């Protein structure tokens, strides 16, 4: 399955965050990917291979219609 994600995309990960949310926003891309929790605002970084293994679904950009 091809994953089409980009900067500012919202994604759902397989394992949820301890705050109860599993939706994240991509804030930085490169070799590492920086994610921000949409509920509590905590930021984490993980390498791209780990991110692609844990990625469940790409929701897309929340501001696409604007």
PDB file of N, CA and C in Angstrom:
ATOM      1  N   UNK A   1       0.833  -1.177   0.000  1.00  0.00           N
ATOM      2  CA  UNK A   1       0.000   0.000   0.000  1.00  0.00           C
ATOM      3  C   UNK A   1       0.883   1.246   0.000  1.00  0.00           C
ATOM      4  N   UNK A   2       0.624   2.162  -0.913  1.00  0.00           N
ATOM      5  CA  UNK A   2       1.425   3.366  -1.041  1.00  0.00           C
ATOM      6  C   UNK A   2       0.930   4.431  -0.070  1.00  0.00           C
ATOM      7  N   UNK A   3       1.845   5.028   0.648  1.00  0.00           N
ATOM      8  CA  UNK A   3       1.509   6.065   1.618  1.00  0.00           C
ATOM      9  C   UNK A   3       1.841   7.420   1.005  1.00  0.00           C
ATOM     10  N   UNK A   4       0.854   8.263   0.841  1.00  0.00           N
ATOM     11  CA  UNK A   4       1.067   9.604   0.309  1.00  0.00           C
ATOM     12  C   UNK A   4       0.913  10.614   1.432  1.00  0.00           C
ATOM     13  N   UNK A   5       2.023  10.964   2.039  1.00  0.00           N
ATOM     14  CA  UNK A   5       2.012  11.955   3.104  1.00  0.00           C
ATOM     15  C   UNK A   5       2.993  13.052   2.739  1.00  0.00           C
ATOM     16  N   UNK A   6       2.742  14.232   3.278  1.00  0.00           N
ATOM     17  CA  UNK A   6       3.609  15.376   3.024  1.00  0.00           C
ATOM     18  C   UNK A   6       3.634  16.241   4.273  1.00  0.00           C
ATOM     19  N   UNK A   7       4.368  17.315   4.227  1.00  0.00           N
ATOM     20  CA  UNK A   7       4.444  18.249   5.334  1.00  0.00           C
ATOM     21  C   UNK A   7       3.058  18.806   5.626  1.00  0.00           C
ATOM     22  N   UNK A   8       2.710  18.921   6.891  1.00  0.00           N
ATOM     23  CA  UNK A   8       1.414  19.426   7.365  1.00  0.00           C
ATOM     24  C   UNK A   8       0.267  18.420   7.203  1.00  0.00           C
ATOM     25  N   UNK A   9       0.542  17.195   6.761  1.00  0.00           N
ATOM     26  CA  UNK A   9      -0.502  16.178   6.668  1.00  0.00           C
ATOM     27  C   UNK A   9      -0.846  15.660   8.061  1.00  0.00           C
ATOM     28  N   UNK A  10      -2.078  15.229   8.222  1.00  0.00           N
ATOM     29  CA  UNK A  10      -2.513  14.592   9.462  1.00  0.00           C
ATOM     30  C   UNK A  10      -2.536  13.093   9.218  1.00  0.00           C
ATOM     31  N   UNK A  11      -1.966  12.340  10.164  1.00  0.00           N
ATOM     32  CA  UNK A  11      -1.859  10.888  10.016  1.00  0.00           C
ATOM     33  C   UNK A  11      -2.366  10.207  11.277  1.00  0.00           C
ATOM     34  N   UNK A  12      -2.781   8.962  11.122  1.00  0.00           N
ATOM     35  CA  UNK A  12      -3.180   8.130  12.255  1.00  0.00           C
ATOM     36  C   UNK A  12      -2.148   7.016  12.373  1.00  0.00           C
ATOM     37  N   UNK A  13      -1.615   6.850  13.576  1.00  0.00           N
ATOM     38  CA  UNK A  13      -0.604   5.831  13.823  1.00  0.00           C
ATOM     39  C   UNK A  13      -1.271   4.584  14.408  1.00  0.00           C
ATOM     40  N   UNK A  14      -0.596   3.442  14.294  1.00  0.00           N
ATOM     41  CA  UNK A  14      -1.146   2.181  14.795  1.00  0.00           C
ATOM     42  C   UNK A  14      -1.320   2.204  16.310  1.00  0.00           C
ATOM     43  N   UNK A  15      -0.350   2.775  17.021  1.00  0.00           N
ATOM     44  CA  UNK A  15      -0.404   2.823  18.480  1.00  0.00           C
ATOM     45  C   UNK A  15      -0.706   4.247  18.919  1.00  0.00           C
ATOM     46  N   UNK A  16      -1.634   4.403  19.822  1.00  0.00           N
ATOM     47  CA  UNK A  16      -2.036   5.723  20.280  1.00  0.00           C
ATOM     48  C   UNK A  16      -1.039   6.356  21.236  1.00  0.00           C
ATOM     49  N   UNK A  17      -1.160   7.649  21.408  1.00  0.00           N
ATOM     50  CA  UNK A  17      -0.334   8.408  22.346  1.00  0.00           C
ATOM     51  C   UNK A  17      -0.910   8.225  23.751  1.00  0.00           C
ATOM     52  N   UNK A  18      -0.107   8.300  24.793  1.00  0.00           N
ATOM     53  CA  UNK A  18      -0.628   8.134  26.157  1.00  0.00           C
ATOM     54  C   UNK A  18      -1.739   9.116  26.544  1.00  0.00           C
ATOM     55  N   UNK A  19      -1.848  10.244  25.849  1.00  0.00           N
ATOM     56  CA  UNK A  19      -2.912  11.207  26.172  1.00  0.00           C
ATOM     57  C   UNK A  19      -4.265  10.735  25.642  1.00  0.00           C
ATOM     58  N   UNK A  20      -4.276   9.690  24.817  1.00  0.00           N
ATOM     59  CA  UNK A  20      -5.521   9.140  24.318  1.00  0.00           C
ATOM     60  C   UNK A  20      -5.771   9.371  22.836  1.00  0.00           C
ATOM     61  N   UNK A  21      -4.983  10.209  22.193  1.00  0.00           N
ATOM     62  CA  UNK A  21      -5.156  10.495  20.765  1.00  0.00           C
ATOM     63  C   UNK A  21      -4.220   9.622  19.934  1.00  0.00           C
ATOM     64  N   UNK A  22      -4.603   9.360  18.693  1.00  0.00           N
ATOM     65  CA  UNK A  22      -3.683   8.675  17.790  1.00  0.00           C
ATOM     66  C   UNK A  22      -3.567   9.432  16.471  1.00  0.00           C
ATOM     67  N   UNK A  23      -4.008  10.700  16.464  1.00  0.00           N
ATOM     68  CA  UNK A  23      -3.877  11.545  15.278  1.00  0.00           C
ATOM     69  C   UNK A  23      -2.702  12.500  15.478  1.00  0.00           C
ATOM     70  N   UNK A  24      -1.851  12.580  14.474  1.00  0.00           N
ATOM     71  CA  UNK A  24      -0.640  13.387  14.533  1.00  0.00           C
ATOM     72  C   UNK A  24      -0.547  14.282  13.311  1.00  0.00           C
ATOM     73  N   UNK A  25       0.196  15.377  13.434  1.00  0.00           N
ATOM     74  CA  UNK A  25       0.451  16.291  12.330  1.00  0.00           C
ATOM     75  C   UNK A  25       1.942  16.252  12.031  1.00  0.00           C
ATOM     76  N   UNK A  26       2.313  16.100  10.757  1.00  0.00           N
ATOM     77  CA  UNK A  26       3.718  16.083  10.354  1.00  0.00           C
ATOM     78  C   UNK A  26       4.214  17.524  10.315  1.00  0.00           C
ATOM     79  N   UNK A  27       5.228  17.829  11.126  1.00  0.00           N
ATOM     80  CA  UNK A  27       5.758  19.190  11.174  1.00  0.00           C
ATOM     81  C   UNK A  27       7.140  19.317  10.555  1.00  0.00           C
ATOM     82  N   UNK A  28       7.828  18.201  10.321  1.00  0.00           N
ATOM     83  CA  UNK A  28       9.159  18.243   9.718  1.00  0.00           C
ATOM     84  C   UNK A  28       9.406  16.926   9.013  1.00  0.00           C
ATOM     85  N   UNK A  29       9.985  16.998   7.820  1.00  0.00           N
ATOM     86  CA  UNK A  29      10.308  15.782   7.078  1.00  0.00           C
ATOM     87  C   UNK A  29      11.745  15.843   6.608  1.00  0.00           C
ATOM     88  N   UNK A  30      12.350  14.698   6.563  1.00  0.00           N
ATOM     89  CA  UNK A  30      13.726  14.534   6.122  1.00  0.00           C
ATOM     90  C   UNK A  30      14.077  13.077   6.356  1.00  0.00           C
ATOM     91  N   UNK A  31      15.281  12.826   6.824  1.00  0.00           N
ATOM     92  CA  UNK A  31      15.633  11.464   7.213  1.00  0.00           C
ATOM     93  C   UNK A  31      14.784  11.070   8.415  1.00  0.00           C
ATOM     94  N   UNK A  32      14.595  12.029   9.321  1.00  0.00           N
ATOM     95  CA  UNK A  32      13.698  11.857  10.463  1.00  0.00           C
ATOM     96  C   UNK A  32      12.401  12.602  10.187  1.00  0.00           C
ATOM     97  N   UNK A  33      11.331  12.159  10.820  1.00  0.00           N
ATOM     98  CA  UNK A  33      10.032  12.818  10.689  1.00  0.00           C
ATOM     99  C   UNK A  33       9.609  13.283  12.071  1.00  0.00           C
ATOM    100  N   UNK A  34       9.206  14.543  12.147  1.00  0.00           N
ATOM    101  CA  UNK A  34       8.757  15.119  13.413  1.00  0.00           C
ATOM    102  C   UNK A  34       7.239  15.192  13.399  1.00  0.00           C
ATOM    103  N   UNK A  35       6.631  14.657  14.448  1.00  0.00           N
ATOM    104  CA  UNK A  35       5.178  14.599  14.563  1.00  0.00           C
ATOM    105  C   UNK A  35       4.722  15.379  15.785  1.00  0.00           C
ATOM    106  N   UNK A  36       3.559  16.022  15.660  1.00  0.00           N
ATOM    107  CA  UNK A  36       2.975  16.753  16.775  1.00  0.00           C
ATOM    108  C   UNK A  36       1.604  16.168  17.072  1.00  0.00           C
ATOM    109  N   UNK A  37       1.373  15.802  18.319  1.00  0.00           N
ATOM    110  CA  UNK A  37       0.084  15.259  18.738  1.00  0.00           C
ATOM    111  C   UNK A  37      -0.978  16.348  18.617  1.00  0.00           C
ATOM    112  N   UNK A  38      -2.114  16.020  18.002  1.00  0.00           N
ATOM    113  CA  UNK A  38      -3.155  17.023  17.802  1.00  0.00           C
ATOM    114  C   UNK A  38      -3.960  17.292  19.071  1.00  0.00           C
ATOM    115  N   UNK A  39      -3.844  16.429  20.074  1.00  0.00           N
ATOM    116  CA  UNK A  39      -4.603  16.626  21.313  1.00  0.00           C
ATOM    117  C   UNK A  39      -3.807  17.400  22.363  1.00  0.00           C
ATOM    118  N   UNK A  40      -2.590  16.940  22.658  1.00  0.00           N
ATOM    119  CA  UNK A  40      -1.826  17.551  23.745  1.00  0.00           C
ATOM    120  C   UNK A  40      -0.682  18.449  23.273  1.00  0.00           C
ATOM    121  N   UNK A  41      -0.301  18.356  21.995  1.00  0.00           N
ATOM    122  CA  UNK A  41       0.749  19.218  21.466  1.00  0.00           C
ATOM    123  C   UNK A  41       2.166  18.698  21.645  1.00  0.00           C
ATOM    124  N   UNK A  42       2.336  17.523  22.226  1.00  0.00           N
ATOM    125  CA  UNK A  42       3.667  16.945  22.412  1.00  0.00           C
ATOM    126  C   UNK A  42       4.267  16.610  21.054  1.00  0.00           C
ATOM    127  N   UNK A  43       5.567  16.827  20.889  1.00  0.00           N
ATOM    128  CA  UNK A  43       6.247  16.537  19.629  1.00  0.00           C
ATOM    129  C   UNK A  43       7.236  15.400  19.818  1.00  0.00           C
ATOM    130  N   UNK A  44       7.281  14.519  18.826  1.00  0.00           N
ATOM    131  CA  UNK A  44       8.233  13.410  18.841  1.00  0.00           C
ATOM    132  C   UNK A  44       8.918  13.349  17.480  1.00  0.00           C
ATOM    133  N   UNK A  45      10.068  12.697  17.451  1.00  0.00           N
ATOM    134  CA  UNK A  45      10.775  12.465  16.194  1.00  0.00           C
ATOM    135  C   UNK A  45      11.058  10.983  16.064  1.00  0.00           C
ATOM    136  N   UNK A  46      10.938  10.474  14.851  1.00  0.00           N
ATOM    137  CA  UNK A  46      11.306   9.086  14.573  1.00  0.00           C
ATOM    138  C   UNK A  46      11.864   9.014  13.164  1.00  0.00           C
ATOM    139  N   UNK A  47      12.678   7.995  12.919  1.00  0.00           N
ATOM    140  CA  UNK A  47      13.237   7.869  11.582  1.00  0.00           C
ATOM    141  C   UNK A  47      12.150   7.427  10.598  1.00  0.00           C
ATOM    142  N   UNK A  48      12.382   7.689   9.329  1.00  0.00           N
ATOM    143  CA  UNK A  48      11.370   7.463   8.293  1.00  0.00           C
ATOM    144  C   UNK A  48      10.945   6.003   8.199  1.00  0.00           C
ATOM    145  N   UNK A  49      11.877   5.067   8.340  1.00  0.00           N
ATOM    146  CA  UNK A  49      11.524   3.642   8.258  1.00  0.00           C
ATOM    147  C   UNK A  49      10.595   3.240   9.402  1.00  0.00           C
ATOM    148  N   UNK A  50      10.896   3.700  10.598  1.00  0.00           N
ATOM    149  CA  UNK A  50      10.040   3.406  11.754  1.00  0.00           C
ATOM    150  C   UNK A  50       8.661   4.047  11.569  1.00  0.00           C
ATOM    151  N   UNK A  51       8.636   5.291  11.062  1.00  0.00           N
ATOM    152  CA  UNK A  51       7.376   5.982  10.810  1.00  0.00           C
ATOM    153  C   UNK A  51       6.513   5.206   9.824  1.00  0.00           C
ATOM    154  N   UNK A  52       7.098   4.729   8.739  1.00  0.00           N
ATOM    155  CA  UNK A  52       6.325   4.001   7.723  1.00  0.00           C
ATOM    156  C   UNK A  52       5.809   2.669   8.246  1.00  0.00           C
ATOM    157  N   UNK A  53       6.523   2.036   9.173  1.00  0.00           N
ATOM    158  CA  UNK A  53       6.048   0.797   9.779  1.00  0.00           C
ATOM    159  C   UNK A  53       4.855   1.061  10.705  1.00  0.00           C
ATOM    160  N   UNK A  54       4.889   2.177  11.432  1.00  0.00           N
ATOM    161  CA  UNK A  54       3.854   2.482  12.428  1.00  0.00           C
ATOM    162  C   UNK A  54       2.669   3.255  11.855  1.00  0.00           C
ATOM    163  N   UNK A  55       2.782   3.729  10.611  1.00  0.00           N
ATOM    164  CA  UNK A  55       1.719   4.506   9.991  1.00  0.00           C
ATOM    165  C   UNK A  55       0.536   3.615   9.652  1.00  0.00           C
ATOM    166  N   UNK A  56      -0.654   4.045  10.038  1.00  0.00           N
ATOM    167  CA  UNK A  56      -1.868   3.295   9.759  1.00  0.00           C
ATOM    168  C   UNK A  56      -2.648   3.921   8.610  1.00  0.00           C
ATOM    169  N   UNK A  57      -2.835   5.246   8.653  1.00  0.00           N
ATOM    170  CA  UNK A  57      -3.673   5.912   7.650  1.00  0.00           C
ATOM    171  C   UNK A  57      -3.262   7.370   7.512  1.00  0.00           C
ATOM    172  N   UNK A  58      -3.298   7.880   6.282  1.00  0.00           N
ATOM    173  CA  UNK A  58      -3.046   9.293   6.030  1.00  0.00           C
ATOM    174  C   UNK A  58      -4.396   9.974   5.849  1.00  0.00           C
ATOM    175  N   UNK A  59      -4.699  10.922   6.716  1.00  0.00           N
ATOM    176  CA  UNK A  59      -5.958  11.655   6.632  1.00  0.00           C
ATOM    177  C   UNK A  59      -5.849  12.746   5.581  1.00  0.00           C
ATOM    178  N   UNK A  60      -4.683  13.370   5.488  1.00  0.00           N
ATOM    179  CA  UNK A  60      -4.459  14.448   4.541  1.00  0.00           C
ATOM    180  C   UNK A  60      -4.302  15.774   5.263  1.00  0.00           C
ATOM    181  N   UNK A  61      -4.277  16.827   4.488  1.00  0.00           N
ATOM    182  CA  UNK A  61      -4.134  18.171   5.032  1.00  0.00           C
ATOM    183  C   UNK A  61      -5.496  18.682   5.455  1.00  0.00           C
ATOM    184  N   UNK A  62      -5.622  19.147   6.690  1.00  0.00           N
ATOM    185  CA  UNK A  62      -6.901  19.641   7.198  1.00  0.00           C
ATOM    186  C   UNK A  62      -7.333  20.935   6.512  1.00  0.00           C
ATOM    187  N   UNK A  63      -6.390  21.659   5.888  1.00  0.00           N
ATOM    188  CA  UNK A  63      -6.699  22.940   5.267  1.00  0.00           C
ATOM    189  C   UNK A  63      -6.726  22.841   3.741  1.00  0.00           C
ATOM    190  N   UNK A  64      -6.966  21.660   3.177  1.00  0.00           N
ATOM    191  CA  UNK A  64      -6.964  21.498   1.722  1.00  0.00           C
ATOM    192  C   UNK A  64      -8.067  22.285   1.050  1.00  0.00           C
ATOM    193  N   UNK A  65      -9.238  22.408   1.674  1.00  0.00           N
ATOM    194  CA  UNK A  65     -10.378  23.067   1.056  1.00  0.00           C
ATOM    195  C   UNK A  65     -10.257  24.589   1.084  1.00  0.00           C
ATOM    196  N   UNK A  66      -9.405  25.120   1.943  1.00  0.00           N
ATOM    197  CA  UNK A  66      -9.321  26.590   2.095  1.00  0.00           C
ATOM    198  C   UNK A  66      -8.337  27.176   1.128  1.00  0.00           C
TER     199      UNK A  66
END
